[in-house]
Protein backbone atom coordinates (compact mmCIF):
# COMPACT_ATOMS: atom_id res chain seq x y z
CA UNK A 1 0.00 0.00 0.00
CA UNK A 2 1.21 3.47 -0.81
CA UNK A 3 2.52 5.19 2.35
CA UNK A 4 0.39 8.26 1.63
CA UNK A 5 -2.75 6.15 1.56
CA UNK A 6 -1.71 4.35 4.75
CA UNK A 7 -1.19 7.74 6.39
CA UNK A 8 -4.76 8.73 5.46
CA UNK A 9 -6.10 5.52 7.01
CA UNK A 10 -4.15 6.18 10.22
CA UNK A 11 -5.32 9.79 10.27
CA UNK A 12 -8.96 8.73 9.82
CA UNK A 13 -8.54 6.21 12.64
CA UNK A 14 -7.13 8.92 14.89
CA UNK A 15 -10.10 11.16 14.10
CA UNK A 16 -12.50 8.31 14.93
CA UNK A 17 -10.77 7.69 18.26
CA UNK A 18 -10.81 11.40 19.09
CA UNK A 19 -14.51 11.70 18.25
CA UNK A 20 -15.28 8.60 20.31
CA UNK A 21 -13.37 10.02 23.27
CA UNK A 22 -15.08 13.39 22.99
CA UNK A 23 -18.49 11.79 22.48
CA UNK A 24 -18.07 9.65 25.57
CA UNK A 25 -17.82 12.74 27.74
CA UNK A 26 -20.71 14.58 26.09
CA UNK A 27 -24.18 13.15 25.59
CA UNK A 28 -23.91 9.77 27.27
CA UNK A 29 -21.56 8.09 24.81
CA UNK A 30 -24.07 6.02 22.85
CA UNK A 31 -23.16 7.55 19.48
CA UNK A 32 -19.44 7.10 20.09
CA UNK A 33 -19.68 3.33 20.66
CA UNK A 34 -19.66 2.66 16.91
CA UNK A 35 -16.62 4.86 16.32
CA UNK A 36 -14.23 2.67 18.31
CA UNK A 37 -14.61 -0.43 16.09
CA UNK A 38 -14.46 1.78 13.00
CA UNK A 39 -11.25 3.35 14.27
CA UNK A 40 -9.76 -0.07 14.96
CA UNK A 41 -10.69 -1.28 11.49
CA UNK A 42 -9.13 1.79 9.88
CA UNK A 43 -6.01 1.35 12.02
CA UNK A 44 -5.54 -2.31 11.06
CA UNK A 45 -6.50 -2.13 7.38
CA UNK A 46 -3.05 -1.03 6.06
CA UNK A 47 -1.38 -3.86 8.00
CA UNK A 48 -3.93 -6.36 6.69
CA UNK A 49 -3.48 -5.12 3.12
CA UNK A 50 0.32 -5.28 3.25
CA UNK A 51 0.21 -8.76 4.79
CA UNK A 52 -2.11 -9.94 2.02
CA UNK A 53 0.17 -8.51 -0.66
CA UNK A 54 3.18 -10.22 0.92
CA UNK A 55 1.38 -13.55 1.36
CA UNK A 56 -0.05 -13.79 -2.14
PDB file of N, CA and C in Angstrom:
ATOM      1  N   UNK A   1       0.851  -1.167   0.000  1.00  0.00           N
ATOM      2  CA  UNK A   1       0.000   0.000   0.000  1.00  0.00           C
ATOM      3  C   UNK A   1       0.898   1.232   0.000  1.00  0.00           C
ATOM      4  N   UNK A   2       0.478   2.212  -0.731  1.00  0.00           N
ATOM      5  CA  UNK A   2       1.215   3.468  -0.807  1.00  0.00           C
ATOM      6  C   UNK A   2       1.270   4.110   0.584  1.00  0.00           C
ATOM      7  N   UNK A   3       2.419   4.583   1.013  1.00  0.00           N
ATOM      8  CA  UNK A   3       2.520   5.193   2.350  1.00  0.00           C
ATOM      9  C   UNK A   3       1.598   6.389   2.552  1.00  0.00           C
ATOM     10  N   UNK A   4       1.320   7.132   1.499  1.00  0.00           N
ATOM     11  CA  UNK A   4       0.394   8.263   1.634  1.00  0.00           C
ATOM     12  C   UNK A   4      -1.017   7.789   1.952  1.00  0.00           C
ATOM     13  N   UNK A   5      -1.422   6.705   1.298  1.00  0.00           N
ATOM     14  CA  UNK A   5      -2.747   6.148   1.560  1.00  0.00           C
ATOM     15  C   UNK A   5      -2.818   5.549   2.968  1.00  0.00           C
ATOM     16  N   UNK A   6      -1.758   4.884   3.381  1.00  0.00           N
ATOM     17  CA  UNK A   6      -1.714   4.347   4.745  1.00  0.00           C
ATOM     18  C   UNK A   6      -1.808   5.474   5.768  1.00  0.00           C
ATOM     19  N   UNK A   7      -1.117   6.590   5.494  1.00  0.00           N
ATOM     20  CA  UNK A   7      -1.193   7.738   6.390  1.00  0.00           C
ATOM     21  C   UNK A   7      -2.631   8.236   6.508  1.00  0.00           C
ATOM     22  N   UNK A   8      -3.368   8.272   5.410  1.00  0.00           N
ATOM     23  CA  UNK A   8      -4.757   8.729   5.456  1.00  0.00           C
ATOM     24  C   UNK A   8      -5.625   7.786   6.284  1.00  0.00           C
ATOM     25  N   UNK A   9      -5.366   6.474   6.179  1.00  0.00           N
ATOM     26  CA  UNK A   9      -6.099   5.516   7.006  1.00  0.00           C
ATOM     27  C   UNK A   9      -5.800   5.749   8.485  1.00  0.00           C
ATOM     28  N   UNK A  10      -4.515   5.944   8.825  1.00  0.00           N
ATOM     29  CA  UNK A  10      -4.147   6.179  10.221  1.00  0.00           C
ATOM     30  C   UNK A  10      -4.726   7.502  10.726  1.00  0.00           C
ATOM     31  N   UNK A  11      -4.752   8.499   9.887  1.00  0.00           N
ATOM     32  CA  UNK A  11      -5.322   9.785  10.271  1.00  0.00           C
ATOM     33  C   UNK A  11      -6.832   9.666  10.506  1.00  0.00           C
ATOM     34  N   UNK A  12      -7.520   8.940   9.637  1.00  0.00           N
ATOM     35  CA  UNK A  12      -8.959   8.727   9.821  1.00  0.00           C
ATOM     36  C   UNK A  12      -9.236   7.942  11.098  1.00  0.00           C
ATOM     37  N   UNK A  13      -8.379   6.966  11.405  1.00  0.00           N
ATOM     38  CA  UNK A  13      -8.544   6.210  12.645  1.00  0.00           C
ATOM     39  C   UNK A  13      -8.355   7.112  13.852  1.00  0.00           C
ATOM     40  N   UNK A  14      -7.369   7.988  13.790  1.00  0.00           N
ATOM     41  CA  UNK A  14      -7.132   8.915  14.889  1.00  0.00           C
ATOM     42  C   UNK A  14      -8.324   9.843  15.092  1.00  0.00           C
ATOM     43  N   UNK A  15      -8.910  10.299  14.004  1.00  0.00           N
ATOM     44  CA  UNK A  15     -10.099  11.155  14.101  1.00  0.00           C
ATOM     45  C   UNK A  15     -11.258  10.389  14.733  1.00  0.00           C
ATOM     46  N   UNK A  16     -11.434   9.122  14.338  1.00  0.00           N
ATOM     47  CA  UNK A  16     -12.503   8.306  14.933  1.00  0.00           C
ATOM     48  C   UNK A  16     -12.296   8.132  16.429  1.00  0.00           C
ATOM     49  N   UNK A  17     -11.047   7.850  16.842  1.00  0.00           N
ATOM     50  CA  UNK A  17     -10.771   7.691  18.263  1.00  0.00           C
ATOM     51  C   UNK A  17     -10.997   8.996  19.023  1.00  0.00           C
ATOM     52  N   UNK A  18     -10.611  10.113  18.434  1.00  0.00           N
ATOM     53  CA  UNK A  18     -10.810  11.404  19.094  1.00  0.00           C
ATOM     54  C   UNK A  18     -12.298  11.732  19.221  1.00  0.00           C
ATOM     55  N   UNK A  19     -13.061  11.456  18.183  1.00  0.00           N
ATOM     56  CA  UNK A  19     -14.509  11.700  18.254  1.00  0.00           C
ATOM     57  C   UNK A  19     -15.175  10.777  19.256  1.00  0.00           C
ATOM     58  N   UNK A  20     -14.717   9.531  19.337  1.00  0.00           N
ATOM     59  CA  UNK A  20     -15.280   8.597  20.313  1.00  0.00           C
ATOM     60  C   UNK A  20     -14.961   9.048  21.733  1.00  0.00           C
ATOM     61  N   UNK A  21     -13.738   9.544  21.940  1.00  0.00           N
ATOM     62  CA  UNK A  21     -13.373  10.019  23.275  1.00  0.00           C
ATOM     63  C   UNK A  21     -14.159  11.270  23.644  1.00  0.00           C
ATOM     64  N   UNK A  22     -14.331  12.165  22.714  1.00  0.00           N
ATOM     65  CA  UNK A  22     -15.085  13.386  22.987  1.00  0.00           C
ATOM     66  C   UNK A  22     -16.572  13.079  23.148  1.00  0.00           C
ATOM     67  N   UNK A  23     -17.079  12.141  22.384  1.00  0.00           N
ATOM     68  CA  UNK A  23     -18.493  11.790  22.480  1.00  0.00           C
ATOM     69  C   UNK A  23     -18.823  11.036  23.741  1.00  0.00           C
ATOM     70  N   UNK A  24     -17.839  10.364  24.326  1.00  0.00           N
ATOM     71  CA  UNK A  24     -18.073   9.648  25.572  1.00  0.00           C
ATOM     72  C   UNK A  24     -18.276  10.593  26.737  1.00  0.00           C
ATOM     73  N   UNK A  25     -17.692  11.769  26.662  1.00  0.00           N
ATOM     74  CA  UNK A  25     -17.825  12.744  27.741  1.00  0.00           C
ATOM     75  C   UNK A  25     -19.081  13.594  27.591  1.00  0.00           C
ATOM     76  N   UNK A  26     -19.555  13.721  26.354  1.00  0.00           N
ATOM     77  CA  UNK A  26     -20.707  14.582  26.090  1.00  0.00           C
ATOM     78  C   UNK A  26     -21.842  13.726  25.547  1.00  0.00           C
ATOM     79  N   UNK A  27     -23.001  13.793  26.138  1.00  0.00           N
ATOM     80  CA  UNK A  27     -24.179  13.148  25.586  1.00  0.00           C
ATOM     81  C   UNK A  27     -24.325  11.666  25.886  1.00  0.00           C
ATOM     82  N   UNK A  28     -23.671  11.141  26.858  1.00  0.00           N
ATOM     83  CA  UNK A  28     -23.906   9.767  27.266  1.00  0.00           C
ATOM     84  C   UNK A  28     -23.075   8.716  26.568  1.00  0.00           C
ATOM     85  N   UNK A  29     -22.479   9.012  25.448  1.00  0.00           N
ATOM     86  CA  UNK A  29     -21.555   8.087  24.814  1.00  0.00           C
ATOM     87  C   UNK A  29     -22.167   7.034  23.918  1.00  0.00           C
ATOM     88  N   UNK A  30     -23.476   7.051  23.698  1.00  0.00           N
ATOM     89  CA  UNK A  30     -24.071   6.018  22.847  1.00  0.00           C
ATOM     90  C   UNK A  30     -23.641   6.137  21.390  1.00  0.00           C
ATOM     91  N   UNK A  31     -23.537   7.350  20.880  1.00  0.00           N
ATOM     92  CA  UNK A  31     -23.164   7.554  19.479  1.00  0.00           C
ATOM     93  C   UNK A  31     -21.705   7.224  19.241  1.00  0.00           C
ATOM     94  N   UNK A  32     -20.870   7.331  20.269  1.00  0.00           N
ATOM     95  CA  UNK A  32     -19.443   7.103  20.093  1.00  0.00           C
ATOM     96  C   UNK A  32     -19.070   5.629  20.161  1.00  0.00           C
ATOM     97  N   UNK A  33     -19.993   4.754  20.542  1.00  0.00           N
ATOM     98  CA  UNK A  33     -19.679   3.333  20.661  1.00  0.00           C
ATOM     99  C   UNK A  33     -19.323   2.753  19.298  1.00  0.00           C
ATOM    100  N   UNK A  34     -19.952   3.178  18.241  1.00  0.00           N
ATOM    101  CA  UNK A  34     -19.658   2.661  16.907  1.00  0.00           C
ATOM    102  C   UNK A  34     -18.370   3.201  16.319  1.00  0.00           C
ATOM    103  N   UNK A  35     -17.842   4.281  16.869  1.00  0.00           N
ATOM    104  CA  UNK A  35     -16.622   4.860  16.323  1.00  0.00           C
ATOM    105  C   UNK A  35     -15.374   4.097  16.734  1.00  0.00           C
ATOM    106  N   UNK A  36     -15.408   3.420  17.860  1.00  0.00           N
ATOM    107  CA  UNK A  36     -14.232   2.675  18.310  1.00  0.00           C
ATOM    108  C   UNK A  36     -13.935   1.496  17.378  1.00  0.00           C
ATOM    109  N   UNK A  37     -14.923   0.647  17.040  1.00  0.00           N
ATOM    110  CA  UNK A  37     -14.611  -0.429  16.090  1.00  0.00           C
ATOM    111  C   UNK A  37     -14.223   0.092  14.702  1.00  0.00           C
ATOM    112  N   UNK A  38     -14.831   1.188  14.289  1.00  0.00           N
ATOM    113  CA  UNK A  38     -14.457   1.776  13.002  1.00  0.00           C
ATOM    114  C   UNK A  38     -13.018   2.272  13.040  1.00  0.00           C
ATOM    115  N   UNK A  39     -12.629   2.900  14.117  1.00  0.00           N
ATOM    116  CA  UNK A  39     -11.249   3.354  14.270  1.00  0.00           C
ATOM    117  C   UNK A  39     -10.273   2.196  14.275  1.00  0.00           C
ATOM    118  N   UNK A  40     -10.625   1.108  14.951  1.00  0.00           N
ATOM    119  CA  UNK A  40      -9.758  -0.073  14.964  1.00  0.00           C
ATOM    120  C   UNK A  40      -9.637  -0.683  13.569  1.00  0.00           C
ATOM    121  N   UNK A  41     -10.736  -0.738  12.848  1.00  0.00           N
ATOM    122  CA  UNK A  41     -10.694  -1.283  11.491  1.00  0.00           C
ATOM    123  C   UNK A  41      -9.826  -0.424  10.579  1.00  0.00           C
ATOM    124  N   UNK A  42      -9.962   0.890  10.695  1.00  0.00           N
ATOM    125  CA  UNK A  42      -9.135   1.786   9.883  1.00  0.00           C
ATOM    126  C   UNK A  42      -7.665   1.687  10.273  1.00  0.00           C
ATOM    127  N   UNK A  43      -7.387   1.457  11.541  1.00  0.00           N
ATOM    128  CA  UNK A  43      -6.015   1.351  12.019  1.00  0.00           C
ATOM    129  C   UNK A  43      -5.354   0.074  11.503  1.00  0.00           C
ATOM    130  N   UNK A  44      -6.115  -1.023  11.436  1.00  0.00           N
ATOM    131  CA  UNK A  44      -5.542  -2.312  11.056  1.00  0.00           C
ATOM    132  C   UNK A  44      -5.583  -2.593   9.556  1.00  0.00           C
ATOM    133  N   UNK A  45      -6.365  -1.837   8.804  1.00  0.00           N
ATOM    134  CA  UNK A  45      -6.499  -2.129   7.376  1.00  0.00           C
ATOM    135  C   UNK A  45      -5.187  -2.051   6.603  1.00  0.00           C
ATOM    136  N   UNK A  46      -4.325  -1.039   6.805  1.00  0.00           N
ATOM    137  CA  UNK A  46      -3.052  -1.033   6.060  1.00  0.00           C
ATOM    138  C   UNK A  46      -2.177  -2.250   6.374  1.00  0.00           C
ATOM    139  N   UNK A  47      -2.149  -2.667   7.632  1.00  0.00           N
ATOM    140  CA  UNK A  47      -1.384  -3.862   8.003  1.00  0.00           C
ATOM    141  C   UNK A  47      -1.962  -5.098   7.327  1.00  0.00           C
ATOM    142  N   UNK A  48      -3.277  -5.224   7.340  1.00  0.00           N
ATOM    143  CA  UNK A  48      -3.931  -6.356   6.692  1.00  0.00           C
ATOM    144  C   UNK A  48      -3.648  -6.366   5.195  1.00  0.00           C
ATOM    145  N   UNK A  49      -3.722  -5.214   4.560  1.00  0.00           N
ATOM    146  CA  UNK A  49      -3.478  -5.119   3.125  1.00  0.00           C
ATOM    147  C   UNK A  49      -2.048  -5.514   2.777  1.00  0.00           C
ATOM    148  N   UNK A  50      -1.078  -4.969   3.519  1.00  0.00           N
ATOM    149  CA  UNK A  50       0.322  -5.275   3.250  1.00  0.00           C
ATOM    150  C   UNK A  50       0.640  -6.749   3.517  1.00  0.00           C
ATOM    151  N   UNK A  51       0.012  -7.336   4.524  1.00  0.00           N
ATOM    152  CA  UNK A  51       0.212  -8.756   4.788  1.00  0.00           C
ATOM    153  C   UNK A  51      -0.366  -9.598   3.665  1.00  0.00           C
ATOM    154  N   UNK A  52      -1.516  -9.219   3.141  1.00  0.00           N
ATOM    155  CA  UNK A  52      -2.106  -9.943   2.016  1.00  0.00           C
ATOM    156  C   UNK A  52      -1.271  -9.842   0.775  1.00  0.00           C
ATOM    157  N   UNK A  53      -0.693  -8.680   0.509  1.00  0.00           N
ATOM    158  CA  UNK A  53       0.173  -8.513  -0.659  1.00  0.00           C
ATOM    159  C   UNK A  53       1.425  -9.380  -0.511  1.00  0.00           C
ATOM    160  N   UNK A  54       1.979  -9.420   0.682  1.00  0.00           N
ATOM    161  CA  UNK A  54       3.181 -10.225   0.923  1.00  0.00           C
ATOM    162  C   UNK A  54       2.871 -11.711   0.836  1.00  0.00           C
ATOM    163  N   UNK A  55       1.722 -12.121   1.331  1.00  0.00           N
ATOM    164  CA  UNK A  55       1.376 -13.550   1.359  1.00  0.00           C
ATOM    165  C   UNK A  55       1.030 -14.106  -0.020  1.00  0.00           C
ATOM    166  N   UNK A  56       0.384 -13.282  -0.840  1.00  0.00           N
ATOM    167  CA  UNK A  56      -0.053 -13.789  -2.138  1.00  0.00           C
ATOM    168  C   UNK A  56       0.638 -13.043  -3.250  1.00  0.00           C
TER     169      UNK A  56
END
